Full PDB file with SEQRES, HELIX, SHEET, SSBOND, CRYST1, ORIGX, SCALE, CONECT and MASTER records, all heavy atoms in Angstrom:
SEQRES   1 A   39  LEU ARG PRO ALA THR ASN ARG PRO ASP ILE VAL GLU ILE          
SEQRES   2 A   39  GLY ALA PRO VAL MET ILE SER ARG GLU MET LEU ARG ARG          
SEQRES   3 A   39  GLU MET ASP ARG ASN THR GLU LEU HIS GLU TYR ILE ARG          
HELIX    1 AA1 ARG A   21  ARG A   30  1                                  10    
HELIX    2 AA2 THR A   32  ILE A   38  1                                   7    
SHEET    1 AA1 2 ARG A   2  ALA A   4  0                                        
SHEET    2 AA1 2 ARG A   7  GLU A  12 -1                                        
CRYST1    1.000    1.000    1.000  90.00  90.00  90.00 P 1           1          
ORIGX1      1.000000  0.000000  0.000000        0.00000                         
ORIGX2      0.000000  1.000000  0.000000        0.00000                         
ORIGX3      0.000000  0.000000  1.000000        0.00000                         
SCALE1      1.000000  0.000000  0.000000        0.00000                         
SCALE2      0.000000  1.000000  0.000000        0.00000                         
SCALE3      0.000000  0.000000  1.000000        0.00000                         
ATOM      1  N   LEU A   1       0.828  -1.201   0.000  1.00  0.00           N  
ATOM      2  CA  LEU A   1       0.000   0.000   0.000  1.00  0.00           C  
ATOM      3  C   LEU A   1       0.866   1.256   0.000  1.00  0.00           C  
ATOM      4  O   LEU A   1       1.920   1.300   0.617  1.00  0.00           O  
ATOM      5  CB  LEU A   1      -0.909   0.016   1.229  1.00  0.00           C  
ATOM      6  CG  LEU A   1      -1.805  -1.204   1.449  1.00  0.00           C  
ATOM      7  CD1 LEU A   1      -2.644  -1.024   2.698  1.00  0.00           C  
ATOM      8  CD2 LEU A   1      -2.691  -1.447   0.242  1.00  0.00           C  
ATOM      9  N   ARG A   2       0.377   2.293  -0.702  1.00  0.00           N  
ATOM     10  CA  ARG A   2       1.079   3.564  -0.715  1.00  0.00           C  
ATOM     11  C   ARG A   2       0.100   4.650  -1.162  1.00  0.00           C  
ATOM     12  O   ARG A   2      -0.818   4.378  -1.955  1.00  0.00           O  
ATOM     13  CB  ARG A   2       2.285   3.518  -1.659  1.00  0.00           C  
ATOM     14  CG  ARG A   2       1.889   3.290  -3.104  1.00  0.00           C  
ATOM     15  CD  ARG A   2       3.075   3.095  -4.029  1.00  0.00           C  
ATOM     16  NE  ARG A   2       2.602   2.760  -5.369  1.00  0.00           N  
ATOM     17  CZ  ARG A   2       2.237   1.547  -5.748  1.00  0.00           C  
ATOM     18  NH1 ARG A   2       2.299   0.536  -4.881  1.00  0.00           N  
ATOM     19  NH2 ARG A   2       1.806   1.320  -6.973  1.00  0.00           N  
ATOM     20  N   PRO A   3       0.278   5.880  -0.712  1.00  0.00           N  
ATOM     21  CA  PRO A   3      -0.591   6.971  -1.179  1.00  0.00           C  
ATOM     22  C   PRO A   3      -0.257   7.343  -2.611  1.00  0.00           C  
ATOM     23  O   PRO A   3       0.908   7.285  -3.032  1.00  0.00           O  
ATOM     24  CB  PRO A   3      -0.266   8.115  -0.206  1.00  0.00           C  
ATOM     25  CG  PRO A   3       1.116   7.812   0.261  1.00  0.00           C  
ATOM     26  CD  PRO A   3       1.235   6.323   0.314  1.00  0.00           C  
ATOM     27  N   ALA A   4      -1.271   7.712  -3.379  1.00  0.00           N  
ATOM     28  CA  ALA A   4      -1.058   8.115  -4.768  1.00  0.00           C  
ATOM     29  C   ALA A   4      -0.353   9.459  -4.815  1.00  0.00           C  
ATOM     30  O   ALA A   4      -0.553  10.320  -3.953  1.00  0.00           O  
ATOM     31  CB  ALA A   4      -2.392   8.193  -5.508  1.00  0.00           C  
ATOM     32  N   THR A   5       0.485   9.646  -5.823  1.00  0.00           N  
ATOM     33  CA  THR A   5       1.201  10.910  -5.991  1.00  0.00           C  
ATOM     34  C   THR A   5       0.216  12.060  -6.170  1.00  0.00           C  
ATOM     35  O   THR A   5      -0.697  11.992  -6.995  1.00  0.00           O  
ATOM     36  CB  THR A   5       2.129  10.845  -7.219  1.00  0.00           C  
ATOM     37  OG1 THR A   5       3.026   9.735  -7.059  1.00  0.00           O  
ATOM     38  CG2 THR A   5       2.937  12.117  -7.368  1.00  0.00           C  
ATOM     39  N   ASN A   6       0.401  13.104  -5.368  1.00  0.00           N  
ATOM     40  CA  ASN A   6      -0.448  14.308  -5.392  1.00  0.00           C  
ATOM     41  C   ASN A   6      -1.870  14.053  -4.907  1.00  0.00           C  
ATOM     42  O   ASN A   6      -2.707  14.965  -4.937  1.00  0.00           O  
ATOM     43  CB  ASN A   6      -0.509  14.920  -6.801  1.00  0.00           C  
ATOM     44  CG  ASN A   6       0.846  15.370  -7.292  1.00  0.00           C  
ATOM     45  OD1 ASN A   6       1.693  15.807  -6.505  1.00  0.00           O  
ATOM     46  ND2 ASN A   6       1.085  15.256  -8.592  1.00  0.00           N  
ATOM     47  N   ARG A   7      -2.183  12.802  -4.466  1.00  0.00           N  
ATOM     48  CA  ARG A   7      -3.524  12.504  -3.975  1.00  0.00           C  
ATOM     49  C   ARG A   7      -3.412  11.583  -2.754  1.00  0.00           C  
ATOM     50  O   ARG A   7      -3.646  10.378  -2.849  1.00  0.00           O  
ATOM     51  CB  ARG A   7      -4.367  11.847  -5.061  1.00  0.00           C  
ATOM     52  CG  ARG A   7      -4.647  12.752  -6.262  1.00  0.00           C  
ATOM     53  CD  ARG A   7      -5.589  12.076  -7.244  1.00  0.00           C  
ATOM     54  NE  ARG A   7      -5.016  10.846  -7.747  1.00  0.00           N  
ATOM     55  CZ  ARG A   7      -5.734   9.800  -8.153  1.00  0.00           C  
ATOM     56  NH1 ARG A   7      -7.039   9.825  -8.070  1.00  0.00           N  
ATOM     57  NH2 ARG A   7      -5.139   8.714  -8.624  1.00  0.00           N  
ATOM     58  N   PRO A   8      -3.044  12.116  -1.604  1.00  0.00           N  
ATOM     59  CA  PRO A   8      -2.818  11.278  -0.417  1.00  0.00           C  
ATOM     60  C   PRO A   8      -4.060  10.548   0.077  1.00  0.00           C  
ATOM     61  O   PRO A   8      -3.945   9.581   0.834  1.00  0.00           O  
ATOM     62  CB  PRO A   8      -2.313  12.280   0.630  1.00  0.00           C  
ATOM     63  CG  PRO A   8      -2.803  13.614   0.156  1.00  0.00           C  
ATOM     64  CD  PRO A   8      -2.792  13.545  -1.337  1.00  0.00           C  
ATOM     65  N   ASP A   9      -5.239  10.987  -0.342  1.00  0.00           N  
ATOM     66  CA  ASP A   9      -6.462  10.305   0.083  1.00  0.00           C  
ATOM     67  C   ASP A   9      -6.706   9.021  -0.704  1.00  0.00           C  
ATOM     68  O   ASP A   9      -7.536   8.198  -0.310  1.00  0.00           O  
ATOM     69  CB  ASP A   9      -7.672  11.231  -0.081  1.00  0.00           C  
ATOM     70  CG  ASP A   9      -7.828  11.730  -1.514  1.00  0.00           C  
ATOM     71  OD1 ASP A   9      -6.805  12.122  -2.103  1.00  0.00           O  
ATOM     72  OD2 ASP A   9      -8.951  11.734  -2.017  1.00  0.00           O  
ATOM     73  N   ILE A  10      -6.002   8.831  -1.817  1.00  0.00           N  
ATOM     74  CA  ILE A  10      -6.120   7.613  -2.627  1.00  0.00           C  
ATOM     75  C   ILE A  10      -4.991   6.660  -2.254  1.00  0.00           C  
ATOM     76  O   ILE A  10      -3.817   7.029  -2.324  1.00  0.00           O  
ATOM     77  CB  ILE A  10      -6.064   7.933  -4.133  1.00  0.00           C  
ATOM     78  CG1 ILE A  10      -7.192   8.900  -4.524  1.00  0.00           C  
ATOM     79  CG2 ILE A  10      -6.145   6.656  -4.957  1.00  0.00           C  
ATOM     80  CD1 ILE A  10      -8.580   8.339  -4.321  1.00  0.00           C  
ATOM     81  N   VAL A  11      -5.336   5.427  -1.870  1.00  0.00           N  
ATOM     82  CA  VAL A  11      -4.341   4.433  -1.479  1.00  0.00           C  
ATOM     83  C   VAL A  11      -4.192   3.413  -2.603  1.00  0.00           C  
ATOM     84  O   VAL A  11      -5.151   2.717  -2.946  1.00  0.00           O  
ATOM     85  CB  VAL A  11      -4.735   3.726  -0.171  1.00  0.00           C  
ATOM     86  CG1 VAL A  11      -3.704   2.656   0.194  1.00  0.00           C  
ATOM     87  CG2 VAL A  11      -4.874   4.736   0.956  1.00  0.00           C  
ATOM     88  N   GLU A  12      -2.991   3.336  -3.172  1.00  0.00           N  
ATOM     89  CA  GLU A  12      -2.718   2.389  -4.253  1.00  0.00           C  
ATOM     90  C   GLU A  12      -2.360   1.029  -3.686  1.00  0.00           C  
ATOM     91  O   GLU A  12      -1.751   0.913  -2.622  1.00  0.00           O  
ATOM     92  CB  GLU A  12      -1.570   2.900  -5.118  1.00  0.00           C  
ATOM     93  CG  GLU A  12      -1.848   4.241  -5.767  1.00  0.00           C  
ATOM     94  CD  GLU A  12      -0.669   4.773  -6.556  1.00  0.00           C  
ATOM     95  OE1 GLU A  12       0.462   4.285  -6.334  1.00  0.00           O  
ATOM     96  OE2 GLU A  12      -0.874   5.679  -7.386  1.00  0.00           O  
ATOM     97  N   ILE A  13      -2.723  -0.024  -4.424  1.00  0.00           N  
ATOM     98  CA  ILE A  13      -2.421  -1.401  -4.022  1.00  0.00           C  
ATOM     99  C   ILE A  13      -1.590  -2.039  -5.132  1.00  0.00           C  
ATOM    100  O   ILE A  13      -2.070  -2.238  -6.246  1.00  0.00           O  
ATOM    101  CB  ILE A  13      -3.701  -2.223  -3.795  1.00  0.00           C  
ATOM    102  CG1 ILE A  13      -4.592  -1.545  -2.753  1.00  0.00           C  
ATOM    103  CG2 ILE A  13      -3.361  -3.644  -3.365  1.00  0.00           C  
ATOM    104  CD1 ILE A  13      -5.924  -2.225  -2.558  1.00  0.00           C  
ATOM    105  N   GLY A  14      -0.335  -2.369  -4.835  1.00  0.00           N  
ATOM    106  CA  GLY A  14       0.512  -2.999  -5.828  1.00  0.00           C  
ATOM    107  C   GLY A  14       0.957  -2.037  -6.912  1.00  0.00           C  
ATOM    108  O   GLY A  14       0.719  -0.824  -6.841  1.00  0.00           O  
ATOM    109  N   ALA A  15       1.593  -2.586  -7.937  1.00  0.00           N  
ATOM    110  CA  ALA A  15       2.142  -1.776  -9.021  1.00  0.00           C  
ATOM    111  C   ALA A  15       1.101  -1.551 -10.109  1.00  0.00           C  
ATOM    112  O   ALA A  15       0.217  -2.379 -10.312  1.00  0.00           O  
ATOM    113  CB  ALA A  15       3.369  -2.468  -9.621  1.00  0.00           C  
ATOM    114  N   PRO A  16       1.196  -0.424 -10.832  1.00  0.00           N  
ATOM    115  CA  PRO A  16       0.286  -0.202 -11.969  1.00  0.00           C  
ATOM    116  C   PRO A  16       0.607  -1.156 -13.106  1.00  0.00           C  
ATOM    117  O   PRO A  16       1.734  -1.635 -13.228  1.00  0.00           O  
ATOM    118  CB  PRO A  16       0.564   1.249 -12.371  1.00  0.00           C  
ATOM    119  CG  PRO A  16       1.975   1.489 -11.924  1.00  0.00           C  
ATOM    120  CD  PRO A  16       2.155   0.688 -10.666  1.00  0.00           C  
ATOM    121  N   VAL A  17      -0.389  -1.434 -13.934  1.00  0.00           N  
ATOM    122  CA  VAL A  17      -0.223  -2.346 -15.075  1.00  0.00           C  
ATOM    123  C   VAL A  17      -0.519  -1.576 -16.356  1.00  0.00           C  
ATOM    124  O   VAL A  17      -1.616  -1.045 -16.530  1.00  0.00           O  
ATOM    125  CB  VAL A  17      -1.173  -3.554 -14.957  1.00  0.00           C  
ATOM    126  CG1 VAL A  17      -1.028  -4.469 -16.176  1.00  0.00           C  
ATOM    127  CG2 VAL A  17      -0.904  -4.339 -13.683  1.00  0.00           C  
ATOM    128  N   MET A  18       0.466  -1.514 -17.256  1.00  0.00           N  
ATOM    129  CA  MET A  18       0.247  -0.852 -18.534  1.00  0.00           C  
ATOM    130  C   MET A  18      -0.695  -1.689 -19.390  1.00  0.00           C  
ATOM    131  O   MET A  18      -0.634  -2.918 -19.374  1.00  0.00           O  
ATOM    132  CB  MET A  18       1.568  -0.649 -19.270  1.00  0.00           C  
ATOM    133  CG  MET A  18       2.393   0.485 -18.730  1.00  0.00           C  
ATOM    134  SD  MET A  18       3.782   0.879 -19.820  1.00  0.00           S  
ATOM    135  CE  MET A  18       4.502   2.252 -18.901  1.00  0.00           C  
ATOM    136  N   ILE A  19      -1.573  -1.026 -20.124  1.00  0.00           N  
ATOM    137  CA  ILE A  19      -2.549  -1.731 -20.946  1.00  0.00           C  
ATOM    138  C   ILE A  19      -2.433  -1.292 -22.393  1.00  0.00           C  
ATOM    139  O   ILE A  19      -1.978  -0.183 -22.696  1.00  0.00           O  
ATOM    140  CB  ILE A  19      -3.989  -1.502 -20.433  1.00  0.00           C  
ATOM    141  CG1 ILE A  19      -4.348  -0.013 -20.445  1.00  0.00           C  
ATOM    142  CG2 ILE A  19      -4.171  -2.096 -19.053  1.00  0.00           C  
ATOM    143  CD1 ILE A  19      -5.809   0.263 -20.085  1.00  0.00           C  
ATOM    144  N   SER A  20      -2.861  -2.169 -23.283  1.00  0.00           N  
ATOM    145  CA  SER A  20      -2.830  -1.889 -24.715  1.00  0.00           C  
ATOM    146  C   SER A  20      -4.024  -1.011 -25.095  1.00  0.00           C  
ATOM    147  O   SER A  20      -4.953  -0.798 -24.305  1.00  0.00           O  
ATOM    148  CB  SER A  20      -2.891  -3.198 -25.502  1.00  0.00           C  
ATOM    149  OG  SER A  20      -4.147  -3.823 -25.296  1.00  0.00           O  
ATOM    150  N   ARG A  21      -3.999  -0.540 -26.333  1.00  0.00           N  
ATOM    151  CA  ARG A  21      -5.129   0.258 -26.823  1.00  0.00           C  
ATOM    152  C   ARG A  21      -6.405  -0.576 -26.859  1.00  0.00           C  
ATOM    153  O   ARG A  21      -7.498  -0.084 -26.574  1.00  0.00           O  
ATOM    154  CB  ARG A  21      -4.821   0.816 -28.216  1.00  0.00           C  
ATOM    155  CG  ARG A  21      -5.975   1.610 -28.806  1.00  0.00           C  
ATOM    156  CD  ARG A  21      -5.561   2.331 -30.063  1.00  0.00           C  
ATOM    157  NE  ARG A  21      -4.529   3.299 -29.789  1.00  0.00           N  
ATOM    158  CZ  ARG A  21      -3.937   4.028 -30.735  1.00  0.00           C  
ATOM    159  NH1 ARG A  21      -4.277   3.860 -31.996  1.00  0.00           N  
ATOM    160  NH2 ARG A  21      -3.002   4.905 -30.421  1.00  0.00           N  
ATOM    161  N   GLU A  22      -6.267  -1.858 -27.177  1.00  0.00           N  
ATOM    162  CA  GLU A  22      -7.441  -2.731 -27.221  1.00  0.00           C  
ATOM    163  C   GLU A  22      -8.097  -2.835 -25.841  1.00  0.00           C  
ATOM    164  O   GLU A  22      -9.319  -2.773 -25.714  1.00  0.00           O  
ATOM    165  CB  GLU A  22      -7.030  -4.115 -27.723  1.00  0.00           C  
ATOM    166  CG  GLU A  22      -8.208  -5.061 -27.947  1.00  0.00           C  
ATOM    167  CD  GLU A  22      -7.769  -6.372 -28.575  1.00  0.00           C  
ATOM    168  OE1 GLU A  22      -6.599  -6.469 -28.979  1.00  0.00           O  
ATOM    169  OE2 GLU A  22      -8.607  -7.277 -28.659  1.00  0.00           O  
ATOM    170  N   MET A  23      -7.276  -2.980 -24.798  1.00  0.00           N  
ATOM    171  CA  MET A  23      -7.820  -3.042 -23.445  1.00  0.00           C  
ATOM    172  C   MET A  23      -8.381  -1.692 -23.021  1.00  0.00           C  
ATOM    173  O   MET A  23      -9.371  -1.610 -22.300  1.00  0.00           O  
ATOM    174  CB  MET A  23      -6.743  -3.506 -22.469  1.00  0.00           C  
ATOM    175  CG  MET A  23      -6.288  -4.939 -22.700  1.00  0.00           C  
ATOM    176  SD  MET A  23      -4.967  -5.466 -21.572  1.00  0.00           S  
ATOM    177  CE  MET A  23      -5.872  -5.511 -20.027  1.00  0.00           C  
ATOM    178  N   LEU A  24      -7.743  -0.616 -23.486  1.00  0.00           N  
ATOM    179  CA  LEU A  24      -8.251   0.716 -23.171  1.00  0.00           C  
ATOM    180  C   LEU A  24      -9.618   0.937 -23.810  1.00  0.00           C  
ATOM    181  O   LEU A  24     -10.493   1.587 -23.230  1.00  0.00           O  
ATOM    182  CB  LEU A  24      -7.260   1.779 -23.653  1.00  0.00           C  
ATOM    183  CG  LEU A  24      -7.628   3.243 -23.364  1.00  0.00           C  
ATOM    184  CD1 LEU A  24      -7.888   3.459 -21.884  1.00  0.00           C  
ATOM    185  CD2 LEU A  24      -6.513   4.171 -23.857  1.00  0.00           C  
ATOM    186  N   ARG A  25      -9.828   0.400 -25.003  1.00  0.00           N  
ATOM    187  CA  ARG A  25     -11.145   0.495 -25.645  1.00  0.00           C  
ATOM    188  C   ARG A  25     -12.217  -0.142 -24.758  1.00  0.00           C  
ATOM    189  O   ARG A  25     -13.340   0.370 -24.652  1.00  0.00           O  
ATOM    190  CB  ARG A  25     -11.125  -0.200 -27.008  1.00  0.00           C  
ATOM    191  CG  ARG A  25     -10.336   0.505 -28.097  1.00  0.00           C  
ATOM    192  CD  ARG A  25     -10.504  -0.250 -29.402  1.00  0.00           C  
ATOM    193  NE  ARG A  25      -9.549   0.166 -30.417  1.00  0.00           N  
ATOM    194  CZ  ARG A  25      -9.718   1.209 -31.220  1.00  0.00           C  
ATOM    195  NH1 ARG A  25     -10.809   1.939 -31.123  1.00  0.00           N  
ATOM    196  NH2 ARG A  25      -8.802   1.521 -32.130  1.00  0.00           N  
ATOM    197  N   ARG A  26     -11.894  -1.285 -24.160  1.00  0.00           N  
ATOM    198  CA  ARG A  26     -12.871  -1.954 -23.300  1.00  0.00           C  
ATOM    199  C   ARG A  26     -13.233  -1.077 -22.097  1.00  0.00           C  
ATOM    200  O   ARG A  26     -14.391  -1.015 -21.678  1.00  0.00           O  
ATOM    201  CB  ARG A  26     -12.314  -3.293 -22.827  1.00  0.00           C  
ATOM    202  CG  ARG A  26     -12.029  -4.271 -23.944  1.00  0.00           C  
ATOM    203  CD  ARG A  26     -11.773  -5.669 -23.393  1.00  0.00           C  
ATOM    204  NE  ARG A  26     -11.276  -6.544 -24.443  1.00  0.00           N  
ATOM    205  CZ  ARG A  26     -10.044  -7.034 -24.486  1.00  0.00           C  
ATOM    206  NH1 ARG A  26      -9.192  -6.732 -23.526  1.00  0.00           N  
ATOM    207  NH2 ARG A  26      -9.667  -7.823 -25.460  1.00  0.00           N  
ATOM    208  N   GLU A  27     -12.213  -0.415 -21.545  1.00  0.00           N  
ATOM    209  CA  GLU A  27     -12.484   0.477 -20.419  1.00  0.00           C  
ATOM    210  C   GLU A  27     -13.309   1.683 -20.867  1.00  0.00           C  
ATOM    211  O   GLU A  27     -14.130   2.198 -20.098  1.00  0.00           O  
ATOM    212  CB  GLU A  27     -11.172   0.935 -19.777  1.00  0.00           C  
ATOM    213  CG  GLU A  27     -10.443  -0.150 -19.019  1.00  0.00           C  
ATOM    214  CD  GLU A  27     -11.279  -0.757 -17.920  1.00  0.00           C  
ATOM    215  OE1 GLU A  27     -12.031  -0.014 -17.256  1.00  0.00           O  
ATOM    216  OE2 GLU A  27     -11.217  -1.983 -17.717  1.00  0.00           O  
ATOM    217  N   MET A  28     -13.114   2.128 -22.092  1.00  0.00           N  
ATOM    218  CA  MET A  28     -13.910   3.232 -22.617  1.00  0.00           C  
ATOM    219  C   MET A  28     -15.384   2.832 -22.700  1.00  0.00           C  
ATOM    220  O   MET A  28     -16.283   3.655 -22.471  1.00  0.00           O  
ATOM    221  CB  MET A  28     -13.396   3.649 -23.988  1.00  0.00           C  
ATOM    222  CG  MET A  28     -12.032   4.328 -23.956  1.00  0.00           C  
ATOM    223  SD  MET A  28     -11.249   4.442 -25.589  1.00  0.00           S  
ATOM    224  CE  MET A  28     -12.405   5.524 -26.440  1.00  0.00           C  
ATOM    225  N   ASP A  29     -15.647   1.569 -23.032  1.00  0.00           N  
ATOM    226  CA  ASP A  29     -17.029   1.093 -23.082  1.00  0.00           C  
ATOM    227  C   ASP A  29     -17.655   1.048 -21.691  1.00  0.00           C  
ATOM    228  O   ASP A  29     -18.878   1.092 -21.551  1.00  0.00           O  
ATOM    229  CB  ASP A  29     -17.083  -0.310 -23.698  1.00  0.00           C  
ATOM    230  CG  ASP A  29     -16.755  -0.300 -25.187  1.00  0.00           C  
ATOM    231  OD1 ASP A  29     -16.913   0.775 -25.803  1.00  0.00           O  
ATOM    232  OD2 ASP A  29     -16.340  -1.353 -25.717  1.00  0.00           O  
ATOM    233  N   ARG A  30     -16.816   0.957 -20.654  1.00  0.00           N  
ATOM    234  CA  ARG A  30     -17.318   0.882 -19.280  1.00  0.00           C  
ATOM    235  C   ARG A  30     -17.354   2.243 -18.594  1.00  0.00           C  
ATOM    236  O   ARG A  30     -17.812   2.351 -17.461  1.00  0.00           O  
ATOM    237  CB  ARG A  30     -16.426  -0.055 -18.449  1.00  0.00           C  
ATOM    238  CG  ARG A  30     -16.323  -1.477 -18.975  1.00  0.00           C  
ATOM    239  CD  ARG A  30     -15.516  -2.320 -18.013  1.00  0.00           C  
ATOM    240  NE  ARG A  30     -15.318  -3.663 -18.519  1.00  0.00           N  
ATOM    241  CZ  ARG A  30     -14.153  -4.146 -18.961  1.00  0.00           C  
ATOM    242  NH1 ARG A  30     -13.091  -3.366 -18.935  1.00  0.00           N  
ATOM    243  NH2 ARG A  30     -14.048  -5.377 -19.402  1.00  0.00           N  
ATOM    244  N   ASN A  31     -16.823   3.274 -19.248  1.00  0.00           N  
ATOM    245  CA  ASN A  31     -16.714   4.580 -18.610  1.00  0.00           C  
ATOM    246  C   ASN A  31     -16.975   5.665 -19.657  1.00  0.00           C  
ATOM    247  O   ASN A  31     -16.125   5.959 -20.499  1.00  0.00           O  
ATOM    248  CB  ASN A  31     -15.312   4.742 -18.013  1.00  0.00           C  
ATOM    249  CG  ASN A  31     -15.175   5.970 -17.147  1.00  0.00           C  
ATOM    250  OD1 ASN A  31     -15.757   7.014 -17.423  1.00  0.00           O  
ATOM    251  ND2 ASN A  31     -14.386   5.861 -16.091  1.00  0.00           N  
ATOM    252  N   THR A  32     -18.165   6.246 -19.624  1.00  0.00           N  
ATOM    253  CA  THR A  32     -18.558   7.228 -20.637  1.00  0.00           C  
ATOM    254  C   THR A  32     -17.669   8.467 -20.614  1.00  0.00           C  
ATOM    255  O   THR A  32     -17.390   9.048 -21.667  1.00  0.00           O  
ATOM    256  CB  THR A  32     -20.022   7.640 -20.424  1.00  0.00           C  
ATOM    257  OG1 THR A  32     -20.202   8.070 -19.054  1.00  0.00           O  
ATOM    258  CG2 THR A  32     -20.965   6.488 -20.710  1.00  0.00           C  
ATOM    259  N   GLU A  33     -17.247   8.899 -19.441  1.00  0.00           N  
ATOM    260  CA  GLU A  33     -16.400  10.088 -19.336  1.00  0.00           C  
ATOM    261  C   GLU A  33     -15.035   9.837 -19.988  1.00  0.00           C  
ATOM    262  O   GLU A  33     -14.497  10.688 -20.694  1.00  0.00           O  
ATOM    263  CB  GLU A  33     -16.215  10.474 -17.873  1.00  0.00           C  
ATOM    264  CG  GLU A  33     -15.395  11.730 -17.639  1.00  0.00           C  
ATOM    265  CD  GLU A  33     -16.145  13.002 -17.974  1.00  0.00           C  
ATOM    266  OE1 GLU A  33     -17.361  12.922 -18.236  1.00  0.00           O  
ATOM    267  OE2 GLU A  33     -15.515  14.078 -17.975  1.00  0.00           O  
ATOM    268  N   LEU A  34     -14.475   8.653 -19.748  1.00  0.00           N  
ATOM    269  CA  LEU A  34     -13.206   8.273 -20.370  1.00  0.00           C  
ATOM    270  C   LEU A  34     -13.347   8.221 -21.886  1.00  0.00           C  
ATOM    271  O   LEU A  34     -12.489   8.719 -22.623  1.00  0.00           O  
ATOM    272  CB  LEU A  34     -12.766   6.911 -19.824  1.00  0.00           C  
ATOM    273  CG  LEU A  34     -11.542   6.266 -20.472  1.00  0.00           C  
ATOM    274  CD1 LEU A  34     -10.293   7.106 -20.217  1.00  0.00           C  
ATOM    275  CD2 LEU A  34     -11.359   4.836 -19.943  1.00  0.00           C  
ATOM    276  N   HIS A  35     -14.421   7.624 -22.356  1.00  0.00           N  
ATOM    277  CA  HIS A  35     -14.666   7.528 -23.794  1.00  0.00           C  
ATOM    278  C   HIS A  35     -14.762   8.910 -24.425  1.00  0.00           C  
ATOM    279  O   HIS A  35     -14.168   9.180 -25.481  1.00  0.00           O  
ATOM    280  CB  HIS A  35     -15.946   6.739 -24.049  1.00  0.00           C  
ATOM    281  CG  HIS A  35     -16.266   6.566 -25.501  1.00  0.00           C  
ATOM    282  ND1 HIS A  35     -16.851   7.560 -26.258  1.00  0.00           N  
ATOM    283  CD2 HIS A  35     -16.064   5.523 -26.346  1.00  0.00           C  
ATOM    284  CE1 HIS A  35     -17.011   7.135 -27.496  1.00  0.00           C  
ATOM    285  NE2 HIS A  35     -16.534   5.903 -27.576  1.00  0.00           N  
ATOM    286  N   GLU A  36     -15.498   9.795 -23.797  1.00  0.00           N  
ATOM    287  CA  GLU A  36     -15.709  11.121 -24.371  1.00  0.00           C  
ATOM    288  C   GLU A  36     -14.404  11.918 -24.397  1.00  0.00           C  
ATOM    289  O   GLU A  36     -14.129  12.637 -25.368  1.00  0.00           O  
ATOM    290  CB  GLU A  36     -16.765  11.874 -23.555  1.00  0.00           C  
ATOM    291  CG  GLU A  36     -17.139  13.249 -24.102  1.00  0.00           C  
ATOM    292  CD  GLU A  36     -17.766  13.183 -25.494  1.00  0.00           C  
ATOM    293  OE1 GLU A  36     -18.188  12.080 -25.916  1.00  0.00           O  
ATOM    294  OE2 GLU A  36     -17.847  14.240 -26.151  1.00  0.00           O  
ATOM    295  N   TYR A  37     -13.594  11.793 -23.360  1.00  0.00           N  
ATOM    296  CA  TYR A  37     -12.339  12.550 -23.330  1.00  0.00           C  
ATOM    297  C   TYR A  37     -11.411  12.105 -24.460  1.00  0.00           C  
ATOM    298  O   TYR A  37     -10.838  12.948 -25.179  1.00  0.00           O  
ATOM    299  CB  TYR A  37     -11.644  12.381 -21.983  1.00  0.00           C  
ATOM    300  CG  TYR A  37     -10.448  13.284 -21.843  1.00  0.00           C  
ATOM    301  CD1 TYR A  37     -10.577  14.552 -21.291  1.00  0.00           C  
ATOM    302  CD2 TYR A  37      -9.192  12.889 -22.291  1.00  0.00           C  
ATOM    303  CE1 TYR A  37      -9.483  15.410 -21.195  1.00  0.00           C  
ATOM    304  CE2 TYR A  37      -8.094  13.738 -22.199  1.00  0.00           C  
ATOM    305  CZ  TYR A  37      -8.247  14.994 -21.645  1.00  0.00           C  
ATOM    306  OH  TYR A  37      -7.163  15.837 -21.563  1.00  0.00           O  
ATOM    307  N   ILE A  38     -11.250  10.807 -24.641  1.00  0.00           N  
ATOM    308  CA  ILE A  38     -10.367  10.308 -25.694  1.00  0.00           C  
ATOM    309  C   ILE A  38     -10.931  10.640 -27.073  1.00  0.00           C  
ATOM    310  O   ILE A  38     -10.189  10.932 -28.007  1.00  0.00           O  
ATOM    311  CB  ILE A  38     -10.145   8.790 -25.526  1.00  0.00           C  
ATOM    312  CG1 ILE A  38      -9.346   8.529 -24.248  1.00  0.00           C  
ATOM    313  CG2 ILE A  38      -9.425   8.200 -26.733  1.00  0.00           C  
ATOM    314  CD1 ILE A  38      -9.101   7.072 -23.954  1.00  0.00           C  
ATOM    315  N   ARG A  39     -12.255  10.625 -27.201  1.00  0.00           N  
ATOM    316  CA  ARG A  39     -12.865  10.985 -28.483  1.00  0.00           C  
ATOM    317  C   ARG A  39     -12.530  12.427 -28.855  1.00  0.00           C  
ATOM    318  O   ARG A  39     -12.250  12.734 -30.021  1.00  0.00           O  
ATOM    319  CB  ARG A  39     -14.383  10.811 -28.417  1.00  0.00           C  
ATOM    320  CG  ARG A  39     -15.087  11.042 -29.747  1.00  0.00           C  
ATOM    321  CD  ARG A  39     -16.594  11.081 -29.578  1.00  0.00           C  
ATOM    322  NE  ARG A  39     -17.020  12.277 -28.876  1.00  0.00           N  
ATOM    323  CZ  ARG A  39     -17.168  13.477 -29.447  1.00  0.00           C  
ATOM    324  NH1 ARG A  39     -16.897  13.634 -30.741  1.00  0.00           N  
ATOM    325  NH2 ARG A  39     -17.565  14.515 -28.742  1.00  0.00           N  
TER     326      ARG A  39                                                      
MASTER        0    0    0    2    2    0    0    6  325    1    0    3          
END                                                                             
């Protein structure tokens, strides 16, 4: 566990995992705000 950089109220668990564009597309389908920003 560790606090997120610039956001001490967010506690990270483990290391971040880089994702491909294909996986990012799936997350865009699950998050309208993310989809709209990338669009």
